[in-house]
Amino acid sequence: MRLTATTDAATALVKSIFRGSGLQRASQRHSQEPHRLAAIKAGFKMMTASVPPNTATMKFVILAVLAAVSLANPVYDDSHSLESREHIPILKDERVHEDDGRFSMDMETGNGISFSKSGSPDGPEGTVVMSGVYSYTAPDGTPVEVKFVADEGGYQPDSALLPVAPAFPHPIPQFVLDQIAKAAREDAERSSEEGYSYA
């Protein structure tokens, strides 16, 4: 008798999950949803057949949460679908790959995007060193051009539109510069003394 009451409660909970959070619309879109509900009920009955009530309730809650997550399909706005997007032609796409690892690429699209790069494995331990430039028009109409180098030091962009660090707010006092120079002299003397040995 307790198992039937728990199963009825489980059915009511699953139905309430379908009604809440917009899941009812998701279930109406898919013809398989009644089958999923039946599968959930059957799975719950199988789980609770020989399990104490507290464990059965815990397992049901876990099953209900998993069912809710699996049925919570996102609703997408179709205005940005692939069919409604404008086709942008590729005007130029030239790629060269040499046997020694050198490569170059030059690409241009119909909406003003251009990208060009070249590189070779000339860095330490065969690190690929590349440089290039890309340009496009920002949504506000500003032309953007970025030149870059990528090597063992990482990606290093250069553009007039990149932010510049502010200048140091005040000059460095002379006593600080004197102290830095003194420390450099002491380091040089110490390293030259370590070079001599009397052994």
Protein backbone atom coordinates (compact mmCIF):
# COMPACT_ATOMS: atom_id res chain seq x y z
CA MET A 1 0.00 0.00 0.00
CA ARG A 2 2.86 2.38 0.87
CA LEU A 3 4.52 1.66 -2.49
CA THR A 4 1.35 2.65 -4.39
CA ALA A 5 1.08 5.92 -2.44
CA THR A 6 4.73 6.68 -3.12
CA THR A 7 4.28 5.89 -6.81
CA ASP A 8 1.24 8.18 -6.99
CA ALA A 9 3.24 10.91 -5.28
CA ALA A 10 6.06 10.34 -7.74
CA THR A 11 3.67 10.63 -10.67
CA ALA A 12 2.26 13.87 -9.25
CA LEU A 13 5.78 15.25 -8.75
CA VAL A 14 6.84 14.39 -12.30
CA LYS A 15 3.67 16.02 -13.68
CA SER A 16 4.31 19.13 -11.59
CA ILE A 17 7.85 19.24 -12.96
CA PHE A 18 6.39 19.21 -16.46
CA ARG A 19 4.02 22.06 -15.59
CA GLY A 20 6.65 24.27 -13.92
CA SER A 21 9.52 26.25 -15.44
CA GLY A 22 8.21 26.14 -18.99
CA LEU A 23 8.77 22.42 -19.30
CA GLN A 24 5.20 21.86 -20.41
CA ARG A 25 5.94 23.76 -23.63
CA ALA A 26 9.05 21.68 -24.11
CA SER A 27 7.07 18.49 -23.62
CA GLN A 28 4.45 19.62 -26.14
CA ARG A 29 7.14 20.14 -28.77
CA HIS A 30 8.35 16.58 -28.48
CA SER A 31 6.13 13.61 -29.19
CA GLN A 32 8.42 11.37 -27.13
CA GLU A 33 7.64 13.07 -23.80
CA PRO A 34 4.73 10.74 -22.81
CA HIS A 35 7.10 7.83 -23.37
CA ARG A 36 9.68 9.49 -21.14
CA LEU A 37 7.08 9.95 -18.41
CA ALA A 38 6.13 6.28 -18.66
CA ALA A 39 9.80 5.31 -18.55
CA ILE A 40 10.32 7.43 -15.44
CA LYS A 41 7.32 5.77 -13.74
CA ALA A 42 8.54 2.30 -14.70
CA GLY A 43 12.05 3.10 -13.52
CA PHE A 44 10.74 4.38 -10.21
CA LYS A 45 8.59 1.28 -9.67
CA MET A 46 11.60 -0.93 -10.41
CA MET A 47 13.81 1.05 -8.02
CA THR A 48 11.33 1.00 -5.15
CA ALA A 49 10.41 -2.68 -5.38
CA SER A 50 12.88 -3.86 -2.73
CA VAL A 51 14.22 -0.64 -1.20
CA PRO A 52 13.37 0.92 2.17
CA PRO A 53 11.10 4.02 1.90
CA ASN A 54 13.76 6.66 2.73
CA THR A 55 16.15 5.33 0.11
CA ALA A 56 13.32 5.05 -2.40
CA THR A 57 12.35 8.67 -1.84
CA MET A 58 15.96 9.79 -2.21
CA LYS A 59 16.37 7.81 -5.42
CA PHE A 60 13.12 9.21 -6.76
CA VAL A 61 14.18 12.78 -6.06
CA ILE A 62 17.46 12.14 -7.89
CA LEU A 63 15.57 10.57 -10.80
CA ALA A 64 13.10 13.48 -10.88
CA VAL A 65 15.92 16.03 -10.93
CA LEU A 66 17.66 14.17 -13.75
CA ALA A 67 14.39 14.00 -15.68
CA ALA A 68 13.80 17.72 -15.19
CA VAL A 69 17.30 18.56 -16.38
CA SER A 70 17.00 16.32 -19.43
CA LEU A 71 13.62 17.79 -20.36
CA ALA A 72 14.62 21.41 -19.84
CA ASN A 73 15.43 22.05 -23.48
CA PRO A 74 16.42 25.65 -24.12
CA VAL A 75 14.07 27.64 -26.31
CA TYR A 76 16.06 29.41 -29.00
CA ASP A 77 15.12 32.58 -30.79
CA ASP A 78 14.87 31.63 -34.47
CA SER A 79 15.74 35.15 -35.65
CA HIS A 80 19.44 34.22 -35.49
CA SER A 81 19.14 30.89 -37.24
CA LEU A 82 21.58 29.91 -39.96
CA GLU A 83 18.93 30.33 -42.64
CA SER A 84 18.30 33.99 -41.74
CA ARG A 85 21.97 35.01 -41.70
CA GLU A 86 23.48 36.85 -44.63
CA HIS A 87 25.92 34.81 -46.71
CA ILE A 88 29.38 36.40 -46.66
CA PRO A 89 31.56 35.25 -49.55
CA ILE A 90 35.23 34.34 -49.13
CA LEU A 91 37.04 36.49 -51.70
CA LYS A 92 40.52 35.11 -51.12
CA ASP A 93 41.85 32.05 -49.29
CA GLU A 94 45.47 31.21 -50.02
CA ARG A 95 47.35 28.72 -47.84
CA VAL A 96 50.89 27.48 -48.30
CA HIS A 97 52.46 24.70 -46.22
CA GLU A 98 56.12 23.93 -46.90
CA ASP A 99 57.80 20.60 -46.11
CA ASP A 100 60.21 22.26 -43.67
CA GLY A 101 57.34 23.56 -41.49
CA ARG A 102 57.06 27.06 -42.90
CA PHE A 103 53.55 28.24 -43.68
CA SER A 104 51.59 31.26 -44.77
CA MET A 105 47.92 32.14 -45.02
CA ASP A 106 46.11 35.02 -46.64
CA MET A 107 42.33 35.37 -46.37
CA GLU A 108 39.77 38.05 -47.21
CA THR A 109 35.97 38.07 -46.90
CA GLY A 110 33.25 40.05 -48.60
CA ASN A 111 32.42 42.05 -45.47
CA GLY A 112 35.91 43.55 -45.15
CA ILE A 113 37.62 41.09 -42.83
CA SER A 114 41.18 40.25 -43.82
CA PHE A 115 43.70 37.99 -42.11
CA SER A 116 47.27 37.25 -43.08
CA LYS A 117 49.93 35.31 -41.19
CA SER A 118 53.14 33.44 -41.81
CA GLY A 119 55.39 31.40 -39.60
CA SER A 120 58.11 28.82 -39.26
CA PRO A 121 59.57 26.54 -36.58
CA ASP A 122 62.56 28.83 -35.96
CA GLY A 123 62.19 29.31 -32.21
CA PRO A 124 64.09 27.48 -29.49
CA GLU A 125 63.43 23.73 -29.54
CA GLY A 126 61.36 24.06 -32.72
CA THR A 127 58.89 26.58 -31.32
CA VAL A 128 56.73 27.99 -34.11
CA VAL A 129 57.31 31.70 -34.57
CA MET A 130 54.62 33.53 -36.50
CA SER A 131 53.60 37.05 -37.34
CA GLY A 132 50.65 38.52 -39.11
CA VAL A 133 47.97 41.14 -39.34
CA TYR A 134 44.18 41.11 -39.31
CA SER A 135 41.69 43.88 -39.93
CA TYR A 136 37.94 44.40 -39.81
CA THR A 137 35.38 47.14 -39.32
CA ALA A 138 33.93 47.43 -35.81
CA PRO A 139 30.12 47.65 -35.42
CA ASP A 140 30.43 51.41 -34.83
CA GLY A 141 32.24 51.82 -38.18
CA THR A 142 35.77 52.15 -36.77
CA PRO A 143 38.39 50.39 -38.89
CA VAL A 144 40.46 48.01 -36.76
CA GLU A 145 43.92 46.70 -37.68
CA VAL A 146 45.98 44.49 -35.38
CA LYS A 147 49.53 43.37 -36.11
CA PHE A 148 50.84 40.51 -34.02
CA VAL A 149 53.83 38.32 -33.28
CA ALA A 150 53.49 34.94 -31.58
CA ASP A 151 56.62 33.16 -30.40
CA GLU A 152 58.10 31.66 -27.25
CA GLY A 153 57.12 34.92 -25.52
CA GLY A 154 53.44 34.39 -26.30
CA TYR A 155 50.95 36.40 -28.34
CA GLN A 156 51.98 40.06 -28.67
CA PRO A 157 49.41 42.28 -30.43
CA ASP A 158 50.08 45.82 -31.62
CA SER A 159 47.28 48.21 -32.56
CA ALA A 160 46.43 51.88 -32.19
CA LEU A 161 43.15 50.78 -30.58
CA LEU A 162 44.76 48.78 -27.76
CA PRO A 163 44.85 50.54 -24.39
CA VAL A 164 48.16 52.06 -23.32
CA ALA A 165 49.43 51.89 -19.75
CA PRO A 166 49.42 55.27 -18.05
CA ALA A 167 52.71 57.10 -17.55
CA PHE A 168 54.34 56.81 -14.14
CA PRO A 169 52.59 59.48 -12.06
CA HIS A 170 55.72 61.16 -10.67
CA PRO A 171 59.47 61.12 -11.29
CA ILE A 172 61.67 58.68 -9.40
CA PRO A 173 63.67 60.54 -6.71
CA GLN A 174 67.44 60.80 -7.23
CA PHE A 175 68.31 58.94 -3.99
CA VAL A 176 66.34 55.92 -5.25
CA LEU A 177 68.23 55.98 -8.57
CA ASP A 178 71.55 56.27 -6.63
CA GLN A 179 70.62 53.26 -4.48
CA ILE A 180 69.75 51.19 -7.57
CA ALA A 181 73.11 52.10 -9.18
CA LYS A 182 75.01 51.23 -5.97
CA ALA A 183 73.28 47.82 -5.77
CA ALA A 184 74.21 47.13 -9.40
CA ARG A 185 77.89 48.02 -8.70
CA GLU A 186 77.96 45.76 -5.63
CA ASP A 187 76.46 42.88 -7.63
CA ALA A 188 79.11 43.36 -10.34
CA GLU A 189 81.96 43.43 -7.77
CA ARG A 190 80.62 40.35 -5.99
CA SER A 191 80.38 38.36 -9.24
CA SER A 192 83.94 39.39 -10.26
CA GLU A 193 85.33 38.36 -6.83
CA GLU A 194 83.66 34.96 -7.09
CA GLY A 195 85.52 34.41 -10.37
CA TYR A 196 88.94 34.29 -8.61
CA SER A 197 89.93 31.32 -6.49
CA TYR A 198 93.13 30.72 -4.48
CA ALA A 199 93.00 26.97 -4.46
